[in-house]
Amino acid sequence: MGNAREPSRYIRELSEIAGDNLRFETVAGDLLRQCPACRAGHLVERTGTANRRFLGCSQFPNCEDTARLK
């Protein structure tokens, strides 16, 4: 459907149409949270400075949205 840097137009269109009802999952069925900023990526766990963990958009560096881990 595309790669990590350039999601397909199909995914972008689905995101626009479905809004919050669109569900991204791994092959194993685990839920991936859609990036609220770009809506094309999903939030993945990353490690920053001082080994602090956070959620960052899979579209980085095109999207720099982050969220705290809960």
PDB file of N, CA and C in Angstrom:
ATOM      1  N   MET A   1       0.816  -1.200   0.000  1.00  0.00           N
ATOM      2  CA  MET A   1       0.000   0.000   0.000  1.00  0.00           C
ATOM      3  C   MET A   1       0.853   1.254   0.000  1.00  0.00           C
ATOM      4  N   GLY A   2       2.138   1.092   0.082  1.00  0.00           N
ATOM      5  CA  GLY A   2       3.050   2.223   0.168  1.00  0.00           C
ATOM      6  C   GLY A   2       4.183   1.854   1.082  1.00  0.00           C
ATOM      7  N   ASN A   3       5.028   2.819   1.347  1.00  0.00           N
ATOM      8  CA  ASN A   3       6.105   2.549   2.294  1.00  0.00           C
ATOM      9  C   ASN A   3       5.974   3.486   3.484  1.00  0.00           C
ATOM     10  N   ALA A   4       6.897   3.364   4.421  1.00  0.00           N
ATOM     11  CA  ALA A   4       6.800   4.142   5.662  1.00  0.00           C
ATOM     12  C   ALA A   4       6.900   5.638   5.427  1.00  0.00           C
ATOM     13  N   ARG A   5       7.597   6.051   4.399  1.00  0.00           N
ATOM     14  CA  ARG A   5       7.764   7.485   4.130  1.00  0.00           C
ATOM     15  C   ARG A   5       6.622   8.069   3.305  1.00  0.00           C
ATOM     16  N   GLU A   6       6.086   7.281   2.396  1.00  0.00           N
ATOM     17  CA  GLU A   6       5.038   7.764   1.498  1.00  0.00           C
ATOM     18  C   GLU A   6       3.851   6.807   1.495  1.00  0.00           C
ATOM     19  N   PRO A   7       2.897   6.992   2.398  1.00  0.00           N
ATOM     20  CA  PRO A   7       1.725   6.111   2.372  1.00  0.00           C
ATOM     21  C   PRO A   7       0.929   6.332   1.087  1.00  0.00           C
ATOM     22  N   SER A   8       0.215   5.325   0.684  1.00  0.00           N
ATOM     23  CA  SER A   8      -0.531   5.431  -0.563  1.00  0.00           C
ATOM     24  C   SER A   8      -1.675   6.439  -0.450  1.00  0.00           C
ATOM     25  N   ARG A   9      -2.115   6.919  -1.579  1.00  0.00           N
ATOM     26  CA  ARG A   9      -3.270   7.821  -1.608  1.00  0.00           C
ATOM     27  C   ARG A   9      -4.494   7.115  -1.050  1.00  0.00           C
ATOM     28  N   TYR A  10      -4.567   5.809  -1.266  1.00  0.00           N
ATOM     29  CA  TYR A  10      -5.690   5.013  -0.777  1.00  0.00           C
ATOM     30  C   TYR A  10      -5.800   5.116   0.744  1.00  0.00           C
ATOM     31  N   ILE A  11      -4.680   4.974   1.443  1.00  0.00           N
ATOM     32  CA  ILE A  11      -4.684   5.069   2.905  1.00  0.00           C
ATOM     33  C   ILE A  11      -5.076   6.477   3.338  1.00  0.00           C
ATOM     34  N   ARG A  12      -4.547   7.492   2.665  1.00  0.00           N
ATOM     35  CA  ARG A  12      -4.915   8.878   3.002  1.00  0.00           C
ATOM     36  C   ARG A  12      -6.418   9.104   2.814  1.00  0.00           C
ATOM     37  N   GLU A  13      -6.967   8.609   1.711  1.00  0.00           N
ATOM     38  CA  GLU A  13      -8.398   8.778   1.454  1.00  0.00           C
ATOM     39  C   GLU A  13      -9.240   8.053   2.499  1.00  0.00           C
ATOM     40  N   LEU A  14      -8.839   6.833   2.847  1.00  0.00           N
ATOM     41  CA  LEU A  14      -9.564   6.101   3.891  1.00  0.00           C
ATOM     42  C   LEU A  14      -9.529   6.860   5.210  1.00  0.00           C
ATOM     43  N   SER A  15      -8.380   7.432   5.530  1.00  0.00           N
ATOM     44  CA  SER A  15      -8.240   8.194   6.773  1.00  0.00           C
ATOM     45  C   SER A  15      -9.179   9.388   6.785  1.00  0.00           C
ATOM     46  N   GLU A  16      -9.293  10.067   5.652  1.00  0.00           N
ATOM     47  CA  GLU A  16     -10.162  11.240   5.572  1.00  0.00           C
ATOM     48  C   GLU A  16     -11.639  10.843   5.675  1.00  0.00           C
ATOM     49  N   ILE A  17     -12.009   9.749   5.025  1.00  0.00           N
ATOM     50  CA  ILE A  17     -13.404   9.315   5.013  1.00  0.00           C
ATOM     51  C   ILE A  17     -13.824   8.726   6.357  1.00  0.00           C
ATOM     52  N   ALA A  18     -13.015   7.826   6.881  1.00  0.00           N
ATOM     53  CA  ALA A  18     -13.392   7.093   8.096  1.00  0.00           C
ATOM     54  C   ALA A  18     -13.146   7.880   9.369  1.00  0.00           C
ATOM     55  N   GLY A  19     -12.224   8.820   9.337  1.00  0.00           N
ATOM     56  CA  GLY A  19     -11.921   9.591  10.533  1.00  0.00           C
ATOM     57  C   GLY A  19     -11.468   8.693  11.668  1.00  0.00           C
ATOM     58  N   ASP A  20     -12.093   8.842  12.823  1.00  0.00           N
ATOM     59  CA  ASP A  20     -11.704   8.071  14.003  1.00  0.00           C
ATOM     60  C   ASP A  20     -12.153   6.615  13.941  1.00  0.00           C
ATOM     61  N   ASN A  21     -12.949   6.258  12.953  1.00  0.00           N
ATOM     62  CA  ASN A  21     -13.431   4.881  12.850  1.00  0.00           C
ATOM     63  C   ASN A  21     -12.455   3.956  12.135  1.00  0.00           C
ATOM     64  N   LEU A  22     -11.409   4.498  11.535  1.00  0.00           N
ATOM     65  CA  LEU A  22     -10.416   3.686  10.839  1.00  0.00           C
ATOM     66  C   LEU A  22      -9.490   3.050  11.860  1.00  0.00           C
ATOM     67  N   ARG A  23      -9.255   1.766  11.709  1.00  0.00           N
ATOM     68  CA  ARG A  23      -8.448   1.009  12.677  1.00  0.00           C
ATOM     69  C   ARG A  23      -7.237   0.419  11.961  1.00  0.00           C
ATOM     70  N   PHE A  24      -6.041   0.750  12.437  1.00  0.00           N
ATOM     71  CA  PHE A  24      -4.805   0.192  11.898  1.00  0.00           C
ATOM     72  C   PHE A  24      -4.345  -0.919  12.823  1.00  0.00           C
ATOM     73  N   GLU A  25      -4.001  -2.083  12.246  1.00  0.00           N
ATOM     74  CA  GLU A  25      -3.566  -3.224  13.043  1.00  0.00           C
ATOM     75  C   GLU A  25      -2.295  -3.825  12.464  1.00  0.00           C
ATOM     76  N   THR A  26      -1.548  -4.510  13.328  1.00  0.00           N
ATOM     77  CA  THR A  26      -0.410  -5.295  12.864  1.00  0.00           C
ATOM     78  C   THR A  26      -0.951  -6.598  12.287  1.00  0.00           C
ATOM     79  N   VAL A  27      -0.096  -7.379  11.676  1.00  0.00           N
ATOM     80  CA  VAL A  27      -0.509  -8.676  11.147  1.00  0.00           C
ATOM     81  C   VAL A  27      -1.059  -9.557  12.269  1.00  0.00           C
ATOM     82  N   ALA A  28      -0.518  -9.396  13.473  1.00  0.00           N
ATOM     83  CA  ALA A  28      -0.973 -10.181  14.626  1.00  0.00           C
ATOM     84  C   ALA A  28      -2.299  -9.675  15.195  1.00  0.00           C
ATOM     85  N   GLY A  29      -2.804  -8.551  14.685  1.00  0.00           N
ATOM     86  CA  GLY A  29      -4.075  -8.015  15.157  1.00  0.00           C
ATOM     87  C   GLY A  29      -3.959  -6.986  16.262  1.00  0.00           C
ATOM     88  N   ASP A  30      -2.730  -6.596  16.615  1.00  0.00           N
ATOM     89  CA  ASP A  30      -2.541  -5.569  17.642  1.00  0.00           C
ATOM     90  C   ASP A  30      -2.878  -4.198  17.065  1.00  0.00           C
ATOM     91  N   LEU A  31      -3.583  -3.394  17.842  1.00  0.00           N
ATOM     92  CA  LEU A  31      -4.017  -2.075  17.400  1.00  0.00           C
ATOM     93  C   LEU A  31      -2.849  -1.100  17.313  1.00  0.00           C
ATOM     94  N   LEU A  32      -2.775  -0.352  16.211  1.00  0.00           N
ATOM     95  CA  LEU A  32      -1.820   0.742  16.054  1.00  0.00           C
ATOM     96  C   LEU A  32      -2.606   2.041  16.134  1.00  0.00           C
ATOM     97  N   ARG A  33      -2.130   2.974  16.935  1.00  0.00           N
ATOM     98  CA  ARG A  33      -2.817   4.262  17.059  1.00  0.00           C
ATOM     99  C   ARG A  33      -2.452   5.148  15.876  1.00  0.00           C
ATOM    100  N   GLN A  34      -3.456   5.668  15.195  1.00  0.00           N
ATOM    101  CA  GLN A  34      -3.242   6.558  14.067  1.00  0.00           C
ATOM    102  C   GLN A  34      -2.693   7.884  14.566  1.00  0.00           C
ATOM    103  N   CYS A  35      -1.766   8.473  13.825  1.00  0.00           N
ATOM    104  CA  CYS A  35      -1.213   9.770  14.198  1.00  0.00           C
ATOM    105  C   CYS A  35      -2.308  10.830  14.063  1.00  0.00           C
ATOM    106  N   PRO A  36      -2.603  11.560  15.136  1.00  0.00           N
ATOM    107  CA  PRO A  36      -3.659  12.568  15.072  1.00  0.00           C
ATOM    108  C   PRO A  36      -3.266  13.795  14.259  1.00  0.00           C
ATOM    109  N   ALA A  37      -1.972  13.988  14.045  1.00  0.00           N
ATOM    110  CA  ALA A  37      -1.519  15.173  13.317  1.00  0.00           C
ATOM    111  C   ALA A  37      -1.606  14.976  11.804  1.00  0.00           C
ATOM    112  N   CYS A  38      -0.957  13.937  11.282  1.00  0.00           N
ATOM    113  CA  CYS A  38      -0.916  13.761   9.825  1.00  0.00           C
ATOM    114  C   CYS A  38      -1.946  12.747   9.320  1.00  0.00           C
ATOM    115  N   ARG A  39      -2.444  11.877  10.191  1.00  0.00           N
ATOM    116  CA  ARG A  39      -3.432  10.851   9.876  1.00  0.00           C
ATOM    117  C   ARG A  39      -2.964   9.856   8.826  1.00  0.00           C
ATOM    118  N   ALA A  40      -1.707   9.967   8.390  1.00  0.00           N
ATOM    119  CA  ALA A  40      -1.159   9.020   7.420  1.00  0.00           C
ATOM    120  C   ALA A  40      -0.262   7.998   8.101  1.00  0.00           C
ATOM    121  N   GLY A  41       0.307   8.380   9.230  1.00  0.00           N
ATOM    122  CA  GLY A  41       1.197   7.484   9.960  1.00  0.00           C
ATOM    123  C   GLY A  41       0.512   6.919  11.186  1.00  0.00           C
ATOM    124  N   HIS A  42       1.267   6.151  11.929  1.00  0.00           N
ATOM    125  CA  HIS A  42       0.759   5.633  13.195  1.00  0.00           C
ATOM    126  C   HIS A  42       1.818   5.862  14.260  1.00  0.00           C
ATOM    127  N   LEU A  43       1.395   5.868  15.517  1.00  0.00           N
ATOM    128  CA  LEU A  43       2.311   6.141  16.618  1.00  0.00           C
ATOM    129  C   LEU A  43       3.058   4.870  17.001  1.00  0.00           C
ATOM    130  N   VAL A  44       4.382   4.976  17.018  1.00  0.00           N
ATOM    131  CA  VAL A  44       5.242   3.853  17.374  1.00  0.00           C
ATOM    132  C   VAL A  44       6.118   4.252  18.552  1.00  0.00           C
ATOM    133  N   GLU A  45       6.523   3.266  19.335  1.00  0.00           N
ATOM    134  CA  GLU A  45       7.362   3.549  20.495  1.00  0.00           C
ATOM    135  C   GLU A  45       8.779   3.871  20.036  1.00  0.00           C
ATOM    136  N   ARG A  46       9.325   4.936  20.599  1.00  0.00           N
ATOM    137  CA  ARG A  46      10.685   5.369  20.279  1.00  0.00           C
ATOM    138  C   ARG A  46      11.421   5.667  21.576  1.00  0.00           C
ATOM    139  N   THR A  47      12.736   5.747  21.480  1.00  0.00           N
ATOM    140  CA  THR A  47      13.560   6.094  22.631  1.00  0.00           C
ATOM    141  C   THR A  47      14.309   7.373  22.310  1.00  0.00           C
ATOM    142  N   GLY A  48      14.175   8.361  23.189  1.00  0.00           N
ATOM    143  CA  GLY A  48      14.823   9.651  22.991  1.00  0.00           C
ATOM    144  C   GLY A  48      16.051   9.802  23.862  1.00  0.00           C
ATOM    145  N   THR A  49      16.388  11.044  24.125  1.00  0.00           N
ATOM    146  CA  THR A  49      17.541  11.328  24.960  1.00  0.00           C
ATOM    147  C   THR A  49      17.327  10.774  26.360  1.00  0.00           C
ATOM    148  N   ALA A  50      18.397  10.430  27.004  1.00  0.00           N
ATOM    149  CA  ALA A  50      18.372   9.863  28.362  1.00  0.00           C
ATOM    150  C   ALA A  50      17.500   8.605  28.433  1.00  0.00           C
ATOM    151  N   ASN A  51      17.412   7.889  27.307  1.00  0.00           N
ATOM    152  CA  ASN A  51      16.632   6.643  27.225  1.00  0.00           C
ATOM    153  C   ASN A  51      15.168   6.808  27.608  1.00  0.00           C
ATOM    154  N   ARG A  52      14.623   7.989  27.405  1.00  0.00           N
ATOM    155  CA  ARG A  52      13.195   8.214  27.674  1.00  0.00           C
ATOM    156  C   ARG A  52      12.379   7.676  26.505  1.00  0.00           C
ATOM    157  N   ARG A  53      11.365   6.886  26.833  1.00  0.00           N
ATOM    158  CA  ARG A  53      10.501   6.308  25.810  1.00  0.00           C
ATOM    159  C   ARG A  53       9.305   7.219  25.562  1.00  0.00           C
ATOM    160  N   PHE A  54       8.876   7.286  24.314  1.00  0.00           N
ATOM    161  CA  PHE A  54       7.726   8.098  23.928  1.00  0.00           C
ATOM    162  C   PHE A  54       7.129   7.504  22.663  1.00  0.00           C
ATOM    163  N   LEU A  55       5.977   8.015  22.255  1.00  0.00           N
ATOM    164  CA  LEU A  55       5.362   7.618  20.997  1.00  0.00           C
ATOM    165  C   LEU A  55       5.649   8.689  19.960  1.00  0.00           C
ATOM    166  N   GLY A  56       6.089   8.266  18.786  1.00  0.00           N
ATOM    167  CA  GLY A  56       6.366   9.190  17.697  1.00  0.00           C
ATOM    168  C   GLY A  56       5.712   8.690  16.423  1.00  0.00           C
ATOM    169  N   CYS A  57       5.449   9.588  15.516  1.00  0.00           N
ATOM    170  CA  CYS A  57       4.792   9.239  14.261  1.00  0.00           C
ATOM    171  C   CYS A  57       5.727   8.423  13.371  1.00  0.00           C
ATOM    172  N   SER A  58       5.172   7.405  12.727  1.00  0.00           N
ATOM    173  CA  SER A  58       5.950   6.575  11.809  1.00  0.00           C
ATOM    174  C   SER A  58       6.339   7.346  10.553  1.00  0.00           C
ATOM    175  N   GLN A  59       5.774   8.520  10.347  1.00  0.00           N
ATOM    176  CA  GLN A  59       6.096   9.344   9.186  1.00  0.00           C
ATOM    177  C   GLN A  59       7.255  10.310   9.438  1.00  0.00           C
ATOM    178  N   PHE A  60       7.879  10.234  10.616  1.00  0.00           N
ATOM    179  CA  PHE A  60       9.021  11.090  10.925  1.00  0.00           C
ATOM    180  C   PHE A  60      10.092  10.886   9.860  1.00  0.00           C
ATOM    181  N   PRO A  61      10.720  11.897   9.308  1.00  0.00           N
ATOM    182  CA  PRO A  61      10.740  13.293   9.715  1.00  0.00           C
ATOM    183  C   PRO A  61       9.671  14.161   9.057  1.00  0.00           C
ATOM    184  N   ASN A  62       8.828  13.574   8.214  1.00  0.00           N
ATOM    185  CA  ASN A  62       7.772  14.371   7.582  1.00  0.00           C
ATOM    186  C   ASN A  62       6.732  14.840   8.588  1.00  0.00           C
ATOM    187  N   CYS A  63       6.521  14.069   9.639  1.00  0.00           N
ATOM    188  CA  CYS A  63       5.601  14.443  10.713  1.00  0.00           C
ATOM    189  C   CYS A  63       6.349  14.272  12.028  1.00  0.00           C
ATOM    190  N   GLU A  64       6.389  15.304  12.833  1.00  0.00           N
ATOM    191  CA  GLU A  64       7.140  15.267  14.090  1.00  0.00           C
ATOM    192  C   GLU A  64       6.239  15.158  15.313  1.00  0.00           C
ATOM    193  N   ASP A  65       5.022  14.674  15.125  1.00  0.00           N
ATOM    194  CA  ASP A  65       4.092  14.551  16.243  1.00  0.00           C
ATOM    195  C   ASP A  65       4.584  13.499  17.236  1.00  0.00           C
ATOM    196  N   THR A  66       4.436  13.785  18.523  1.00  0.00           N
ATOM    197  CA  THR A  66       4.811  12.843  19.580  1.00  0.00           C
ATOM    198  C   THR A  66       3.724  12.809  20.645  1.00  0.00           C
ATOM    199  N   ALA A  67       3.756  11.774  21.455  1.00  0.00           N
ATOM    200  CA  ALA A  67       2.821  11.638  22.574  1.00  0.00           C
ATOM    201  C   ALA A  67       3.534  10.913  23.707  1.00  0.00           C
ATOM    202  N   ARG A  68       3.072  11.169  24.928  1.00  0.00           N
ATOM    203  CA  ARG A  68       3.640  10.482  26.088  1.00  0.00           C
ATOM    204  C   ARG A  68       3.181   9.036  26.115  1.00  0.00           C
ATOM    205  N   LEU A  69       4.043   8.183  26.599  1.00  0.00           N
ATOM    206  CA  LEU A  69       3.647   6.799  26.847  1.00  0.00           C
ATOM    207  C   LEU A  69       2.828   6.754  28.117  1.00  0.00           C
ATOM    208  N   LYS A  70       1.775   5.983  28.118  1.00  0.00           N
ATOM    209  CA  LYS A  70       0.916   5.891  29.307  1.00  0.00           C
ATOM    210  C   LYS A  70       1.259   4.666  30.102  1.00  0.00           C
TER     211      LYS A  70
END
